């Protein structure tokens, strides 16, 4: 594997996880209201 690919994966995975977490959290808040 190329270094760029590894770097891309290492950056994309945490960002995607954070995005999903915040999306769910916001969705829950709006659903509760």
C-alpha atoms as a PDB file:
ATOM      1  CA  UNK A   1       0.000   0.000   0.000  1.00  0.00           C
ATOM      2  CA  UNK A   2       1.088   3.545  -0.683  1.00  0.00           C
ATOM      3  CA  UNK A   3       1.725   5.943   2.172  1.00  0.00           C
ATOM      4  CA  UNK A   4      -0.812   8.387   0.770  1.00  0.00           C
ATOM      5  CA  UNK A   5      -3.502   5.715   0.841  1.00  0.00           C
ATOM      6  CA  UNK A   6      -2.737   4.861   4.475  1.00  0.00           C
ATOM      7  CA  UNK A   7      -2.776   8.552   5.435  1.00  0.00           C
ATOM      8  CA  UNK A   8      -6.072   9.026   3.596  1.00  0.00           C
ATOM      9  CA  UNK A   9      -7.651   6.074   5.411  1.00  0.00           C
ATOM     10  CA  UNK A  10      -6.281   7.191   8.781  1.00  0.00           C
ATOM     11  CA  UNK A  11      -7.802  10.642   8.293  1.00  0.00           C
ATOM     12  CA  UNK A  12     -11.061   9.520   6.675  1.00  0.00           C
ATOM     13  CA  UNK A  13     -12.007   6.895   9.279  1.00  0.00           C
ATOM     14  CA  UNK A  14     -11.952   9.158  12.396  1.00  0.00           C
ATOM     15  CA  UNK A  15     -13.644  11.986  10.481  1.00  0.00           C
ATOM     16  CA  UNK A  16     -16.397   9.658   9.272  1.00  0.00           C
ATOM     17  CA  UNK A  17     -16.850   8.264  12.783  1.00  0.00           C
ATOM     18  CA  UNK A  18     -17.105  11.765  14.261  1.00  0.00           C
ATOM     19  CA  UNK A  19     -19.538  12.846  11.550  1.00  0.00           C
ATOM     20  CA  UNK A  20     -21.753   9.813  12.178  1.00  0.00           C
ATOM     21  CA  UNK A  21     -21.601  10.399  15.940  1.00  0.00           C
ATOM     22  CA  UNK A  22     -22.607  14.054  15.687  1.00  0.00           C
ATOM     23  CA  UNK A  23     -25.283  13.248  13.087  1.00  0.00           C
ATOM     24  CA  UNK A  24     -26.875  10.674  15.393  1.00  0.00           C
ATOM     25  CA  UNK A  25     -26.582  12.959  18.414  1.00  0.00           C
ATOM     26  CA  UNK A  26     -28.219  15.879  16.607  1.00  0.00           C
ATOM     27  CA  UNK A  27     -30.881  13.597  15.158  1.00  0.00           C
ATOM     28  CA  UNK A  28     -31.753  12.261  18.603  1.00  0.00           C
ATOM     29  CA  UNK A  29     -32.063  15.775  20.005  1.00  0.00           C
ATOM     30  CA  UNK A  30     -34.377  16.914  17.210  1.00  0.00           C
ATOM     31  CA  UNK A  31     -36.424  13.712  17.417  1.00  0.00           C
ATOM     32  CA  UNK A  32     -36.930  14.184  21.173  1.00  0.00           C
ATOM     33  CA  UNK A  33     -38.352  17.645  20.582  1.00  0.00           C
END
